[in-house]
Each structure stands twice: as C-alpha cells, then as structure tokens.
Amino acid sequence: MDANETGAAYTRSAPAPTVADAVARVVAAYAGRPDVSADEIVALALRLTGVFGALAPATAAPGTVPAAPPQAAPAAVDAPAPALPIEKAVTADKVYCLCCGRGFTMLKRHLKAEHGLTEEEYRALFHLPEDMPLVAPNYSERKAAYAKRVGLGKYQRDPGEDDSPAR
C-alpha cells in the first residue's frame, strides 16, 4: 500500500538551524533599530555566537542550535544602564529619555517611535516608580491651567439623569 493511498502526507523535516542562522536572525532584528551603532551590532553578534555555541550540546551536529536551552542556563537579562542619572531625568521644562539621553516635553511618542517601548515597559526597564512624570512639569501645569480657564471638567450631571441616549 502506498503512503498516498492511506492519506498520510509525506513530510520532510527542515534542517536544524545553525548557530550562524540563529545569530544572523537576532542581529538582523537588532540592527533594524535606529538607535543602534555598528559597534553595538558587532558586539552583540560576538556575544550571541558565544552564548549559542555554549548552549549547543556536545552530541548535536556541529553548528546546530538545540531545540530548548538547558534548565541551568540563566534567563535573567540585566537592565541597561541609563544614559543619564535618574535624578536628572526630569527638569521643569524637559523630561530626558533614559535610553538615549535626549530631552523632550513628552516622552510617550518618542519611546514608541525610537525605542519601541510602551510607558509600562520603559518604567519596568529602568525600575522607575509609577509617579515619575513622563511629561515635563511646566508643560503639564500649562495644559491644566488652560483646561481650567476654558471650563473643562466643571460639568456636573443631574443625579437622576439617564446616561442612555434618547430614542
């Protein structure tokens, strides 16, 4: 009986990825970031080659990557060093990005566009408190004063008023 007659499909396994393939994929993804220098890319490639080479078991074919890392391998990644001291990250008119050191009125858009980080990821990356501002204090005060001046936030609903729209 033929394999096609039984309905079983003939599958061919893909070759195991080599250390070079794995390193190339990670380095290519990292190199796509706009804030990465060529020296950092080379250093990452060298570190990854050493890490993937150390993870490959002795019984595996030379240059192949194991399916799963051994349990003893440390999974913790150290947080990057901030570009400037955290105490100097907030001034009256600017908030400075701890990733690159540039000053902004508001950080949220910069973090997403330049570093691919959300506010929560940024705070977690540098172990920042929840109450640390990501908007310059003077800008925030100006916006609040304007909102009060034009009467925003003063609307009060009647307690018996229904929230559903009229039909």
N, C-alpha and C. Protein backbone atom coordinates (compact mmCIF):
# COMPACT_ATOMS: atom_id res chain seq x y z
N MET A 1 0.85 -1.17 0.00
CA MET A 1 0.00 0.00 0.00
C MET A 1 0.89 1.23 0.00
N ASP A 2 0.55 2.19 -0.81
CA ASP A 2 1.34 3.41 -0.97
C ASP A 2 0.95 4.43 0.11
N ALA A 3 1.91 5.29 0.50
CA ALA A 3 1.65 6.29 1.53
C ALA A 3 0.56 7.26 1.09
N ASN A 4 0.49 7.52 -0.22
CA ASN A 4 -0.54 8.43 -0.71
C ASN A 4 -1.92 7.82 -0.64
N GLU A 5 -2.01 6.47 -0.77
CA GLU A 5 -3.29 5.80 -0.71
C GLU A 5 -3.87 5.83 0.70
N THR A 6 -3.03 5.83 1.72
CA THR A 6 -3.52 5.83 3.10
C THR A 6 -3.89 7.22 3.57
N GLY A 7 -3.59 8.22 2.80
CA GLY A 7 -3.92 9.59 3.18
C GLY A 7 -2.82 10.25 4.00
N ALA A 8 -1.77 9.52 4.31
CA ALA A 8 -0.67 10.10 5.08
C ALA A 8 0.17 10.96 4.15
N ALA A 9 0.43 12.15 4.57
CA ALA A 9 1.22 13.06 3.75
C ALA A 9 2.69 12.83 4.02
N TYR A 10 3.46 12.91 2.98
CA TYR A 10 4.90 12.77 3.12
C TYR A 10 5.43 14.10 3.60
N THR A 11 6.07 14.11 4.77
CA THR A 11 6.63 15.35 5.30
C THR A 11 8.13 15.22 5.38
N ARG A 12 8.77 16.29 5.05
CA ARG A 12 10.22 16.32 5.09
C ARG A 12 10.62 17.34 6.15
N SER A 13 11.43 16.92 7.09
CA SER A 13 11.80 17.84 8.17
C SER A 13 12.80 18.86 7.67
N ALA A 14 12.63 20.08 8.17
CA ALA A 14 13.55 21.17 7.80
C ALA A 14 14.87 20.95 8.52
N PRO A 15 15.96 21.35 7.90
CA PRO A 15 17.25 21.19 8.57
C PRO A 15 17.30 22.03 9.84
N ALA A 16 18.02 21.53 10.82
CA ALA A 16 18.15 22.24 12.09
C ALA A 16 18.88 23.56 11.86
N PRO A 17 18.41 24.63 12.51
CA PRO A 17 19.09 25.91 12.31
C PRO A 17 20.50 25.87 12.89
N THR A 18 21.41 26.49 12.19
CA THR A 18 22.78 26.54 12.68
C THR A 18 22.95 27.72 13.61
N VAL A 19 24.06 27.74 14.33
CA VAL A 19 24.36 28.86 15.22
C VAL A 19 24.42 30.15 14.40
N ALA A 20 25.03 30.07 13.23
CA ALA A 20 25.15 31.26 12.39
C ALA A 20 23.77 31.78 11.97
N ASP A 21 22.83 30.86 11.65
CA ASP A 21 21.48 31.28 11.28
C ASP A 21 20.78 31.98 12.44
N ALA A 22 20.89 31.40 13.63
CA ALA A 22 20.25 31.99 14.80
C ALA A 22 20.83 33.36 15.12
N VAL A 23 22.14 33.46 15.09
CA VAL A 23 22.81 34.74 15.37
C VAL A 23 22.41 35.77 14.32
N ALA A 24 22.38 35.36 13.06
CA ALA A 24 22.04 36.28 11.98
C ALA A 24 20.63 36.83 12.14
N ARG A 25 19.67 35.99 12.54
CA ARG A 25 18.29 36.45 12.71
C ARG A 25 18.18 37.46 13.84
N VAL A 26 18.81 37.18 14.97
CA VAL A 26 18.74 38.09 16.12
C VAL A 26 19.45 39.40 15.81
N VAL A 27 20.63 39.31 15.22
CA VAL A 27 21.40 40.52 14.91
C VAL A 27 20.67 41.36 13.86
N ALA A 28 20.05 40.73 12.87
CA ALA A 28 19.31 41.48 11.85
C ALA A 28 18.14 42.24 12.47
N ALA A 29 17.44 41.62 13.40
CA ALA A 29 16.33 42.30 14.07
C ALA A 29 16.84 43.47 14.91
N TYR A 30 17.94 43.26 15.60
CA TYR A 30 18.52 44.31 16.45
C TYR A 30 19.06 45.46 15.60
N ALA A 31 19.64 45.14 14.46
CA ALA A 31 20.23 46.16 13.59
C ALA A 31 19.17 47.06 12.97
N GLY A 32 17.93 46.62 12.95
CA GLY A 32 16.86 47.42 12.40
C GLY A 32 16.46 48.59 13.27
N ARG A 33 16.93 48.62 14.50
CA ARG A 33 16.61 49.72 15.40
C ARG A 33 17.43 50.95 15.02
N PRO A 34 16.83 52.13 15.05
CA PRO A 34 17.55 53.34 14.63
C PRO A 34 18.58 53.84 15.64
N ASP A 35 18.52 53.38 16.87
CA ASP A 35 19.41 53.90 17.91
C ASP A 35 20.62 53.01 18.17
N VAL A 36 20.92 52.11 17.26
CA VAL A 36 21.99 51.14 17.47
C VAL A 36 23.18 51.48 16.57
N SER A 37 24.37 51.51 17.15
CA SER A 37 25.57 51.79 16.36
C SER A 37 26.15 50.49 15.81
N ALA A 38 27.04 50.61 14.85
CA ALA A 38 27.67 49.44 14.23
C ALA A 38 28.49 48.66 15.26
N ASP A 39 29.15 49.37 16.16
CA ASP A 39 29.95 48.69 17.19
C ASP A 39 29.07 47.84 18.10
N GLU A 40 27.88 48.34 18.43
CA GLU A 40 26.97 47.58 19.29
C GLU A 40 26.48 46.33 18.57
N ILE A 41 26.26 46.43 17.26
CA ILE A 41 25.80 45.28 16.48
C ILE A 41 26.87 44.20 16.45
N VAL A 42 28.12 44.60 16.22
CA VAL A 42 29.23 43.64 16.18
C VAL A 42 29.39 42.98 17.55
N ALA A 43 29.32 43.78 18.62
CA ALA A 43 29.47 43.23 19.96
C ALA A 43 28.36 42.23 20.27
N LEU A 44 27.13 42.54 19.85
CA LEU A 44 26.01 41.62 20.06
C LEU A 44 26.24 40.31 19.30
N ALA A 45 26.69 40.40 18.06
CA ALA A 45 26.94 39.20 17.26
C ALA A 45 27.98 38.30 17.94
N LEU A 46 29.03 38.90 18.46
CA LEU A 46 30.07 38.12 19.14
C LEU A 46 29.54 37.47 20.41
N ARG A 47 28.76 38.24 21.19
CA ARG A 47 28.19 37.68 22.43
C ARG A 47 27.24 36.53 22.12
N LEU A 48 26.39 36.72 21.11
CA LEU A 48 25.41 35.68 20.78
C LEU A 48 26.09 34.42 20.25
N THR A 49 27.13 34.59 19.47
CA THR A 49 27.86 33.42 18.97
C THR A 49 28.40 32.61 20.14
N GLY A 50 28.93 33.29 21.13
CA GLY A 50 29.43 32.59 22.32
C GLY A 50 28.31 31.92 23.10
N VAL A 51 27.18 32.61 23.26
CA VAL A 51 26.05 32.06 24.02
C VAL A 51 25.46 30.86 23.30
N PHE A 52 25.16 30.99 21.99
CA PHE A 52 24.58 29.88 21.26
C PHE A 52 25.56 28.72 21.15
N GLY A 53 26.83 29.02 21.02
CA GLY A 53 27.83 27.96 20.96
C GLY A 53 27.91 27.20 22.27
N ALA A 54 27.79 27.90 23.39
CA ALA A 54 27.84 27.25 24.70
C ALA A 54 26.59 26.42 24.96
N LEU A 55 25.46 26.81 24.38
CA LEU A 55 24.21 26.09 24.60
C LEU A 55 24.12 24.82 23.77
N ALA A 56 24.87 24.74 22.67
CA ALA A 56 24.79 23.57 21.80
C ALA A 56 25.37 22.35 22.52
N PRO A 57 24.60 21.28 22.65
CA PRO A 57 25.12 20.09 23.33
C PRO A 57 26.22 19.42 22.52
N ALA A 58 27.08 18.73 23.21
CA ALA A 58 28.22 18.08 22.56
C ALA A 58 27.78 16.99 21.60
N THR A 59 26.61 16.38 21.82
CA THR A 59 26.15 15.29 20.96
C THR A 59 25.48 15.79 19.70
N ALA A 60 25.14 17.06 19.63
CA ALA A 60 24.47 17.60 18.45
C ALA A 60 25.47 17.78 17.32
N ALA A 61 24.92 17.89 16.12
CA ALA A 61 25.77 18.12 14.97
C ALA A 61 26.46 19.47 15.14
N PRO A 62 27.69 19.60 14.67
CA PRO A 62 28.40 20.86 14.84
C PRO A 62 27.65 22.03 14.21
N GLY A 63 27.54 23.11 14.95
CA GLY A 63 26.92 24.32 14.43
C GLY A 63 25.41 24.37 14.53
N THR A 64 24.75 23.36 15.08
CA THR A 64 23.30 23.40 15.19
C THR A 64 22.90 23.96 16.54
N VAL A 65 21.71 24.53 16.58
CA VAL A 65 21.18 25.12 17.81
C VAL A 65 20.27 24.10 18.47
N PRO A 66 20.36 23.91 19.79
CA PRO A 66 19.48 22.96 20.46
C PRO A 66 18.04 23.44 20.42
N ALA A 67 17.09 22.47 20.49
CA ALA A 67 15.68 22.80 20.44
C ALA A 67 15.27 23.62 21.65
N ALA A 68 15.77 23.29 22.83
CA ALA A 68 15.45 24.04 24.04
C ALA A 68 16.72 24.23 24.85
N PRO A 69 16.89 25.40 25.46
CA PRO A 69 18.10 25.60 26.26
C PRO A 69 18.05 24.75 27.52
N PRO A 70 19.22 24.37 28.05
CA PRO A 70 19.23 23.59 29.27
C PRO A 70 18.65 24.39 30.42
N GLN A 71 18.14 23.69 31.43
CA GLN A 71 17.49 24.34 32.56
C GLN A 71 18.44 25.19 33.38
N ALA A 72 19.72 24.88 33.39
CA ALA A 72 20.68 25.60 34.22
C ALA A 72 21.07 26.96 33.64
N ALA A 73 20.70 27.22 32.40
CA ALA A 73 21.08 28.48 31.77
C ALA A 73 20.32 29.64 32.43
N PRO A 74 21.01 30.72 32.79
CA PRO A 74 20.32 31.85 33.40
C PRO A 74 19.46 32.58 32.38
N ALA A 75 18.23 32.92 32.78
CA ALA A 75 17.31 33.59 31.88
C ALA A 75 17.22 35.08 32.15
N ALA A 76 17.80 35.53 33.24
CA ALA A 76 17.68 36.94 33.61
C ALA A 76 18.57 37.80 32.72
N VAL A 77 18.02 38.93 32.29
CA VAL A 77 18.77 39.87 31.48
C VAL A 77 18.94 41.14 32.31
N ASP A 78 20.17 41.63 32.38
CA ASP A 78 20.43 42.83 33.15
C ASP A 78 19.79 44.04 32.46
N ALA A 79 19.28 44.95 33.27
CA ALA A 79 18.70 46.17 32.74
C ALA A 79 19.83 47.05 32.19
N PRO A 80 19.57 47.73 31.09
CA PRO A 80 20.62 48.60 30.53
C PRO A 80 20.90 49.77 31.47
N ALA A 81 22.08 50.28 31.39
CA ALA A 81 22.44 51.44 32.21
C ALA A 81 21.77 52.67 31.62
N PRO A 82 21.15 53.51 32.44
CA PRO A 82 20.51 54.72 31.91
C PRO A 82 21.54 55.67 31.30
N ALA A 83 21.12 56.41 30.29
CA ALA A 83 22.01 57.35 29.60
C ALA A 83 22.42 58.51 30.49
N LEU A 84 21.63 58.80 31.52
CA LEU A 84 21.95 59.85 32.48
C LEU A 84 21.37 59.45 33.83
N PRO A 85 21.81 60.05 34.92
CA PRO A 85 21.27 59.68 36.23
C PRO A 85 19.76 59.92 36.30
N ILE A 86 19.06 59.00 36.94
CA ILE A 86 17.61 59.09 37.02
C ILE A 86 17.18 60.39 37.71
N GLU A 87 17.97 60.86 38.67
CA GLU A 87 17.63 62.10 39.38
C GLU A 87 17.62 63.30 38.44
N LYS A 88 18.37 63.24 37.35
CA LYS A 88 18.45 64.37 36.41
C LYS A 88 17.54 64.17 35.19
N ALA A 89 16.71 63.14 35.21
CA ALA A 89 15.87 62.84 34.06
C ALA A 89 14.68 63.78 33.92
N VAL A 90 14.28 64.47 35.00
CA VAL A 90 13.14 65.37 34.94
C VAL A 90 13.57 66.76 35.39
N THR A 91 13.40 67.75 34.50
CA THR A 91 13.62 69.15 34.86
C THR A 91 12.28 69.85 34.69
N ALA A 92 12.23 71.14 34.96
CA ALA A 92 10.96 71.87 34.88
C ALA A 92 10.40 71.87 33.45
N ASP A 93 11.27 71.98 32.46
CA ASP A 93 10.81 72.11 31.07
C ASP A 93 11.01 70.89 30.20
N LYS A 94 11.75 69.91 30.67
CA LYS A 94 12.03 68.72 29.85
C LYS A 94 12.05 67.46 30.69
N VAL A 95 11.74 66.34 30.00
CA VAL A 95 11.96 65.02 30.56
C VAL A 95 12.95 64.35 29.63
N TYR A 96 13.98 63.76 30.20
CA TYR A 96 15.05 63.17 29.40
C TYR A 96 14.85 61.66 29.30
N CYS A 97 15.03 61.15 28.10
CA CYS A 97 14.91 59.72 27.84
C CYS A 97 16.12 59.02 28.45
N LEU A 98 15.89 58.01 29.26
CA LEU A 98 16.98 57.27 29.88
C LEU A 98 17.64 56.31 28.91
N CYS A 99 16.99 56.04 27.77
CA CYS A 99 17.58 55.16 26.76
C CYS A 99 18.66 55.89 25.96
N CYS A 100 18.35 57.13 25.53
CA CYS A 100 19.27 57.84 24.64
C CYS A 100 19.76 59.17 25.19
N GLY A 101 19.14 59.69 26.24
CA GLY A 101 19.59 60.93 26.86
C GLY A 101 19.02 62.20 26.25
N ARG A 102 18.16 62.09 25.24
CA ARG A 102 17.59 63.28 24.61
C ARG A 102 16.44 63.83 25.45
N GLY A 103 16.26 65.17 25.43
CA GLY A 103 15.22 65.81 26.21
C GLY A 103 13.97 66.10 25.39
N PHE A 104 12.80 65.92 26.01
CA PHE A 104 11.52 66.12 25.34
C PHE A 104 10.52 66.76 26.29
N THR A 105 9.45 67.31 25.73
CA THR A 105 8.35 67.80 26.55
C THR A 105 7.52 66.61 27.02
N MET A 106 7.31 65.65 26.12
CA MET A 106 6.58 64.42 26.44
C MET A 106 7.36 63.24 25.88
N LEU A 107 7.45 62.17 26.64
CA LEU A 107 8.27 61.02 26.21
C LEU A 107 7.50 59.93 25.48
N LYS A 108 6.21 59.83 25.66
CA LYS A 108 5.46 58.67 25.18
C LYS A 108 5.67 58.39 23.69
N ARG A 109 5.52 59.39 22.86
CA ARG A 109 5.67 59.18 21.41
C ARG A 109 7.10 58.79 21.05
N HIS A 110 8.07 59.46 21.66
CA HIS A 110 9.48 59.15 21.41
C HIS A 110 9.80 57.71 21.79
N LEU A 111 9.32 57.28 22.94
CA LEU A 111 9.61 55.92 23.40
C LEU A 111 9.10 54.88 22.41
N LYS A 112 7.89 55.08 21.89
CA LYS A 112 7.31 54.11 20.96
C LYS A 112 8.01 54.17 19.61
N ALA A 113 8.24 55.38 19.10
CA ALA A 113 8.81 55.54 17.76
C ALA A 113 10.28 55.16 17.68
N GLU A 114 11.06 55.58 18.66
CA GLU A 114 12.51 55.38 18.60
C GLU A 114 12.99 54.10 19.27
N HIS A 115 12.31 53.71 20.33
CA HIS A 115 12.80 52.57 21.11
C HIS A 115 11.82 51.40 21.14
N GLY A 116 10.62 51.57 20.58
CA GLY A 116 9.64 50.50 20.56
C GLY A 116 9.14 50.11 21.94
N LEU A 117 9.07 51.06 22.86
CA LEU A 117 8.67 50.78 24.24
C LEU A 117 7.36 51.47 24.58
N THR A 118 6.54 50.81 25.39
CA THR A 118 5.38 51.47 25.96
C THR A 118 5.82 52.14 27.25
N GLU A 119 4.95 52.94 27.84
CA GLU A 119 5.28 53.60 29.10
C GLU A 119 5.58 52.55 30.18
N GLU A 120 4.78 51.50 30.23
CA GLU A 120 4.96 50.46 31.24
C GLU A 120 6.29 49.73 31.06
N GLU A 121 6.63 49.41 29.81
CA GLU A 121 7.89 48.72 29.54
C GLU A 121 9.09 49.60 29.91
N TYR A 122 8.98 50.89 29.61
CA TYR A 122 10.05 51.84 29.93
C TYR A 122 10.25 51.92 31.44
N ARG A 123 9.14 52.05 32.18
CA ARG A 123 9.23 52.12 33.65
C ARG A 123 9.82 50.83 34.21
N ALA A 124 9.41 49.69 33.67
CA ALA A 124 9.93 48.41 34.15
C ALA A 124 11.41 48.24 33.80
N LEU A 125 11.81 48.69 32.64
CA LEU A 125 13.18 48.54 32.18
C LEU A 125 14.16 49.25 33.10
N PHE A 126 13.78 50.44 33.57
CA PHE A 126 14.67 51.22 34.42
C PHE A 126 14.23 51.24 35.88
N HIS A 127 13.25 50.40 36.23
CA HIS A 127 12.75 50.30 37.61
C HIS A 127 12.30 51.66 38.14
N LEU A 128 11.49 52.36 37.34
CA LEU A 128 11.02 53.70 37.72
C LEU A 128 9.71 53.59 38.49
N PRO A 129 9.48 54.51 39.44
CA PRO A 129 8.20 54.49 40.17
C PRO A 129 7.06 54.93 39.25
N GLU A 130 5.85 54.51 39.60
CA GLU A 130 4.67 54.86 38.80
C GLU A 130 4.41 56.35 38.76
N ASP A 131 4.83 57.08 39.80
CA ASP A 131 4.53 58.51 39.85
C ASP A 131 5.61 59.38 39.19
N MET A 132 6.62 58.76 38.59
CA MET A 132 7.64 59.55 37.90
C MET A 132 7.04 60.10 36.61
N PRO A 133 7.10 61.42 36.42
CA PRO A 133 6.44 62.01 35.24
C PRO A 133 7.17 61.68 33.94
N LEU A 134 6.38 61.46 32.90
CA LEU A 134 6.92 61.29 31.55
C LEU A 134 6.54 62.49 30.69
N VAL A 135 6.03 63.53 31.36
CA VAL A 135 5.69 64.80 30.73
C VAL A 135 6.35 65.89 31.56
N ALA A 136 6.93 66.90 30.91
CA ALA A 136 7.59 67.99 31.62
C ALA A 136 6.60 68.68 32.56
N PRO A 137 6.98 68.92 33.82
CA PRO A 137 6.06 69.52 34.79
C PRO A 137 5.49 70.87 34.36
N ASN A 138 6.30 71.77 33.81
CA ASN A 138 5.79 73.07 33.37
C ASN A 138 4.76 72.92 32.26
N TYR A 139 4.98 71.99 31.34
CA TYR A 139 4.02 71.76 30.26
C TYR A 139 2.71 71.24 30.84
N SER A 140 2.79 70.33 31.77
CA SER A 140 1.60 69.77 32.40
C SER A 140 0.81 70.85 33.12
N GLU A 141 1.50 71.73 33.83
CA GLU A 141 0.84 72.83 34.54
C GLU A 141 0.17 73.79 33.56
N ARG A 142 0.84 74.10 32.44
CA ARG A 142 0.25 74.97 31.42
C ARG A 142 -1.03 74.36 30.85
N LYS A 143 -0.99 73.07 30.55
CA LYS A 143 -2.17 72.40 29.99
C LYS A 143 -3.31 72.37 31.00
N ALA A 144 -3.00 72.12 32.28
CA ALA A 144 -4.03 72.10 33.32
C ALA A 144 -4.65 73.48 33.50
N ALA A 145 -3.82 74.53 33.50
CA ALA A 145 -4.32 75.89 33.64
C ALA A 145 -5.23 76.26 32.47
N TYR A 146 -4.85 75.87 31.27
CA TYR A 146 -5.68 76.15 30.10
C TYR A 146 -7.02 75.43 30.21
N ALA A 147 -7.00 74.17 30.62
CA ALA A 147 -8.23 73.40 30.76
C ALA A 147 -9.17 74.04 31.78
N LYS A 148 -8.62 74.53 32.88
CA LYS A 148 -9.45 75.20 33.89
C LYS A 148 -9.99 76.51 33.35
N ARG A 149 -9.17 77.24 32.60
CA ARG A 149 -9.56 78.53 32.07
C ARG A 149 -10.73 78.40 31.09
N VAL A 150 -10.74 77.36 30.28
CA VAL A 150 -11.83 77.20 29.31
C VAL A 150 -13.02 76.44 29.89
N GLY A 151 -12.91 76.05 31.17
CA GLY A 151 -14.05 75.44 31.85
C GLY A 151 -14.17 73.93 31.71
N LEU A 152 -13.11 73.26 31.32
CA LEU A 152 -13.18 71.80 31.22
C LEU A 152 -13.23 71.18 32.61
N GLY A 153 -13.97 70.11 32.74
CA GLY A 153 -14.03 69.38 34.00
C GLY A 153 -15.00 69.95 35.01
N LYS A 154 -15.82 70.93 34.62
CA LYS A 154 -16.77 71.53 35.57
C LYS A 154 -18.19 71.05 35.35
N TYR A 155 -18.42 70.30 34.31
CA TYR A 155 -19.76 69.83 34.02
C TYR A 155 -20.19 68.83 35.07
N GLN A 156 -21.39 69.05 35.66
CA GLN A 156 -21.92 68.11 36.64
C GLN A 156 -23.27 67.63 36.15
N ARG A 157 -23.45 66.36 36.19
CA ARG A 157 -24.71 65.77 35.75
C ARG A 157 -25.72 65.82 36.87
N ASP A 158 -26.98 65.84 36.48
CA ASP A 158 -28.05 65.72 37.47
C ASP A 158 -28.08 64.28 37.94
N PRO A 159 -28.26 64.05 39.26
CA PRO A 159 -28.24 62.68 39.77
C PRO A 159 -29.29 61.78 39.14
N GLY A 160 -30.43 62.32 38.75
CA GLY A 160 -31.49 61.49 38.19
C GLY A 160 -31.42 61.35 36.69
N GLU A 161 -30.46 61.99 36.06
CA GLU A 161 -30.35 61.98 34.60
C GLU A 161 -29.90 60.61 34.11
N ASP A 162 -30.55 60.13 33.07
CA ASP A 162 -30.22 58.83 32.49
C ASP A 162 -29.09 59.00 31.48
N ASP A 163 -28.12 58.09 31.49
CA ASP A 163 -26.98 58.17 30.58
C ASP A 163 -27.29 57.67 29.19
N SER A 164 -28.40 56.93 29.03
CA SER A 164 -28.69 56.36 27.72
C SER A 164 -29.24 57.45 26.79
N PRO A 165 -28.93 57.34 25.49
CA PRO A 165 -29.40 58.35 24.53
C PRO A 165 -30.91 58.26 24.34
N ALA A 166 -31.53 59.37 23.97
CA ALA A 166 -32.97 59.41 23.74
C ALA A 166 -33.29 58.62 22.48
N ARG A 167 -34.47 57.99 22.49
CA ARG A 167 -34.86 57.19 21.33
C ARG A 167 -35.91 57.86 20.54
